[in-house]
Amino acid sequence: QCRYWTFTKCTFVNAAFTNSGYTFTNTAGTPFDLTVSKCIFACGYGLWIRNTKHSASYDIGVNISDCLCYGINNASQPVFYFDSTGSGTDGNGAKIFNCTLHGTSISNQLTSTTTPLQVTNCLGVLASTFFVGSATSAASVITNCRYPNSSVSNATVTNSSSLGVIGLDFSQSMLGASIGMPIPSPYDN
């Protein structure tokens, strides 16, 4: 098993557009220790994280930050997809922050609430769905995100907004204590 993968300033493109781009599977109870930073995704199922269940919940050790994600061909395929295999208890605890999703979404099918998946400071545009969680809404936490005209299901949502496109700047200002917050970009200009 490989651990401690780090992808920085990479481009992920799935030529088939309908299959998983990159699948990671771990050994039960062992974190992935996967870090993805400042990357561009142009694919459905860009990262498919398959967590192997264990006798107890554990932090799966996945950090995704400052990425730009484009849904290609089929917006119903999430760019980041988390699920599990085997029997026992899910791990959880991935952290996704400062990402921009264009025509794609995030899906978390893990159910552990010990260390919930966290989506923070992300922007989702031109997709009907921003986030789909498991049946256990406490397994996913959405904080400080903007997803105009998109939906979020089965997640704990705080300080976030789904106002329409014309409300994007307004929601940024209102949720940022009347101070306009810059929309994150994966690269410095």
Protein backbone atom coordinates (compact mmCIF):
# COMPACT_ATOMS: atom_id res chain seq x y z
CA GLN A 1 0.00 0.00 0.00
CA CYS A 2 1.22 3.49 -0.81
CA ARG A 3 0.79 6.39 1.60
CA TYR A 4 1.87 10.00 1.85
CA TRP A 5 0.89 10.99 -1.69
CA THR A 6 1.17 14.71 -2.46
CA PHE A 7 -0.04 16.36 -5.66
CA THR A 8 0.82 20.07 -6.05
CA LYS A 9 0.06 22.21 -9.13
CA CYS A 10 -1.06 19.19 -11.16
CA THR A 11 -3.70 18.82 -13.86
CA PHE A 12 -6.07 15.84 -13.72
CA VAL A 13 -7.88 15.07 -16.98
CA ASN A 14 -10.04 12.01 -17.54
CA ALA A 15 -10.06 11.24 -21.26
CA ALA A 16 -13.08 8.94 -21.03
CA PHE A 17 -15.10 11.61 -19.16
CA THR A 18 -17.43 8.98 -17.72
CA ASN A 19 -15.22 6.82 -15.53
CA SER A 20 -13.23 7.38 -12.38
CA GLY A 21 -10.19 9.53 -12.98
CA TYR A 22 -8.03 8.42 -10.05
CA THR A 23 -9.08 5.88 -7.42
CA PHE A 24 -7.37 5.52 -4.05
CA THR A 25 -8.13 2.57 -1.73
CA ASN A 26 -6.58 2.10 1.70
CA THR A 27 -6.06 -0.74 4.17
CA ALA A 28 -8.63 -0.82 7.01
CA GLY A 29 -7.71 1.57 9.80
CA THR A 30 -4.85 3.16 7.83
CA PRO A 31 -5.16 6.79 6.71
CA PHE A 32 -4.46 7.71 3.09
CA ASP A 33 -2.25 10.69 4.03
CA LEU A 34 -3.21 12.20 0.66
CA THR A 35 -2.64 15.90 0.00
CA VAL A 36 -3.88 17.62 -3.16
CA SER A 37 -3.09 21.33 -3.48
CA LYS A 38 -3.37 23.97 -6.23
CA CYS A 39 -4.48 21.45 -8.86
CA ILE A 40 -6.89 21.63 -11.79
CA PHE A 41 -9.46 18.89 -12.39
CA ALA A 42 -11.26 18.44 -15.72
CA CYS A 43 -13.17 15.22 -15.19
CA GLY A 44 -16.03 13.42 -13.51
CA TYR A 45 -14.98 11.40 -10.47
CA GLY A 46 -11.63 13.19 -10.46
CA LEU A 47 -10.65 11.60 -7.15
CA TRP A 48 -12.53 8.54 -5.96
CA ILE A 49 -11.55 7.84 -2.35
CA ARG A 50 -12.55 4.26 -1.40
CA ASN A 51 -12.22 3.88 2.34
CA THR A 52 -11.89 0.31 3.69
CA LYS A 53 -14.10 -0.12 6.76
CA HIS A 54 -12.52 -1.02 10.12
CA SER A 55 -13.63 -2.03 13.62
CA ALA A 56 -13.63 1.64 14.70
CA SER A 57 -13.91 5.03 12.97
CA TYR A 58 -10.68 6.80 12.03
CA ASP A 59 -9.51 9.94 10.24
CA ILE A 60 -8.79 8.96 6.62
CA GLY A 61 -6.20 11.72 6.24
CA VAL A 62 -7.26 13.41 2.98
CA ASN A 63 -6.63 17.15 2.44
CA ILE A 64 -7.72 18.90 -0.77
CA SER A 65 -7.11 22.64 -1.06
CA ASP A 66 -6.99 25.54 -3.52
CA CYS A 67 -8.15 23.50 -6.52
CA LEU A 68 -10.09 24.51 -9.62
CA CYS A 69 -12.54 21.80 -10.70
CA TYR A 70 -14.48 21.53 -13.98
CA GLY A 71 -17.22 18.98 -14.56
CA ILE A 72 -16.82 17.49 -18.01
CA ASN A 73 -19.62 15.87 -20.04
CA ASN A 74 -21.70 14.75 -17.06
CA ALA A 75 -22.21 17.21 -14.22
CA SER A 76 -23.86 14.45 -12.15
CA GLN A 77 -20.43 12.91 -11.62
CA PRO A 78 -18.82 14.54 -8.59
CA VAL A 79 -15.21 15.67 -8.88
CA PHE A 80 -14.50 14.33 -5.36
CA TYR A 81 -16.29 11.12 -4.39
CA PHE A 82 -15.89 9.39 -1.02
CA ASP A 83 -17.30 5.93 -0.28
CA SER A 84 -16.37 2.74 1.53
CA THR A 85 -15.90 -0.96 0.97
CA GLY A 86 -15.90 -3.98 3.29
CA SER A 87 -17.65 -4.43 6.62
CA GLY A 88 -17.33 -2.52 9.87
CA THR A 89 -17.23 1.22 10.53
CA ASP A 90 -16.38 3.97 8.03
CA GLY A 91 -13.43 6.23 8.41
CA ASN A 92 -14.07 9.87 7.54
CA GLY A 93 -12.54 13.28 8.14
CA ALA A 94 -11.42 14.49 4.71
CA LYS A 95 -10.90 18.24 4.47
CA ILE A 96 -11.72 20.19 1.30
CA PHE A 97 -11.10 23.92 1.42
CA ASN A 98 -10.64 26.97 -0.83
CA CYS A 99 -11.76 25.14 -3.98
CA THR A 100 -13.83 26.40 -6.91
CA LEU A 101 -16.19 23.89 -8.54
CA HIS A 102 -17.56 24.71 -11.99
CA GLY A 103 -20.33 22.38 -13.20
CA THR A 104 -19.50 19.60 -10.74
CA SER A 105 -20.07 18.58 -7.13
CA ILE A 106 -18.73 16.72 -4.08
CA SER A 107 -20.23 13.46 -2.79
CA ASN A 108 -19.58 11.90 0.62
CA GLN A 109 -21.13 8.48 1.24
CA LEU A 110 -19.15 7.89 4.46
CA THR A 111 -21.28 7.83 7.63
CA SER A 112 -18.87 8.27 10.55
CA THR A 113 -19.61 11.36 12.63
CA THR A 114 -16.51 11.00 14.85
CA THR A 115 -14.44 13.00 12.35
CA PRO A 116 -16.86 14.40 9.72
CA LEU A 117 -15.84 15.41 6.23
CA GLN A 118 -15.35 19.18 6.11
CA VAL A 119 -15.94 21.46 3.11
CA THR A 120 -14.81 25.02 3.91
CA ASN A 121 -14.53 28.28 1.93
CA CYS A 122 -15.51 26.71 -1.40
CA LEU A 123 -17.43 28.15 -4.34
CA GLY A 124 -19.67 26.03 -6.58
CA VAL A 125 -21.16 27.46 -9.79
CA LEU A 126 -23.16 26.17 -12.78
CA ALA A 127 -24.26 22.90 -11.20
CA SER A 128 -27.64 21.94 -9.80
CA THR A 129 -25.95 20.14 -6.89
CA PHE A 130 -22.99 21.39 -4.85
CA PHE A 131 -22.83 18.59 -2.27
CA VAL A 132 -24.49 15.22 -1.64
CA GLY A 133 -23.92 13.54 1.70
CA SER A 134 -24.74 10.17 3.18
CA ALA A 135 -27.98 9.51 5.07
CA THR A 136 -26.17 10.74 8.21
CA SER A 137 -26.10 14.54 7.85
CA ALA A 138 -23.67 14.94 10.78
CA ALA A 139 -21.04 13.03 8.73
CA SER A 140 -20.45 16.14 6.55
CA VAL A 141 -19.99 19.78 7.54
CA ILE A 142 -20.26 22.63 4.99
CA THR A 143 -18.87 25.97 6.28
CA ASN A 144 -18.43 29.39 4.62
CA CYS A 145 -19.32 28.09 1.15
CA ARG A 146 -21.20 29.74 -1.71
CA TYR A 147 -23.15 27.66 -4.23
CA PRO A 148 -25.58 29.87 -6.18
CA ASN A 149 -28.67 28.04 -7.47
CA SER A 150 -27.27 24.71 -6.25
CA SER A 151 -28.44 22.30 -3.59
CA VAL A 152 -26.84 20.63 -0.60
CA SER A 153 -28.31 17.45 0.84
CA ASN A 154 -27.58 15.51 4.01
CA ALA A 155 -24.97 17.82 5.54
CA THR A 156 -24.65 20.19 8.46
CA VAL A 157 -24.47 23.65 6.83
CA THR A 158 -23.17 26.76 8.63
CA ASN A 159 -22.55 30.30 7.37
CA SER A 160 -23.11 29.31 3.73
CA SER A 161 -25.40 30.54 0.97
CA SER A 162 -27.20 29.24 -2.12
CA LEU A 163 -28.41 32.65 -3.34
CA GLY A 164 -28.71 33.08 -7.10
CA VAL A 165 -25.85 34.23 -9.31
CA ILE A 166 -26.70 37.90 -8.88
CA GLY A 167 -26.65 37.29 -5.14
CA LEU A 168 -23.12 35.89 -5.15
CA ASP A 169 -21.39 39.16 -4.27
CA PHE A 170 -24.21 40.02 -1.88
CA SER A 171 -23.87 36.71 -0.04
CA GLN A 172 -20.09 37.10 0.11
CA SER A 173 -20.52 40.54 1.66
CA MET A 174 -23.25 39.53 4.10
CA LEU A 175 -21.52 36.39 5.33
CA GLY A 176 -18.16 38.14 5.46
CA ALA A 177 -19.37 40.78 7.96
CA SER A 178 -20.06 43.31 5.18
CA ILE A 179 -16.53 42.99 3.83
CA GLY A 180 -16.25 41.59 0.32
CA MET A 181 -14.19 38.41 0.41
CA PRO A 182 -12.12 37.45 -2.63
CA ILE A 183 -13.14 34.30 -4.44
CA PRO A 184 -10.31 31.76 -4.04
CA SER A 185 -8.09 30.97 -7.00
CA PRO A 186 -5.72 28.01 -7.21
CA TYR A 187 -2.85 30.13 -8.51
CA ASP A 188 -1.45 33.58 -7.78
CA ASN A 189 -1.67 36.03 -10.65
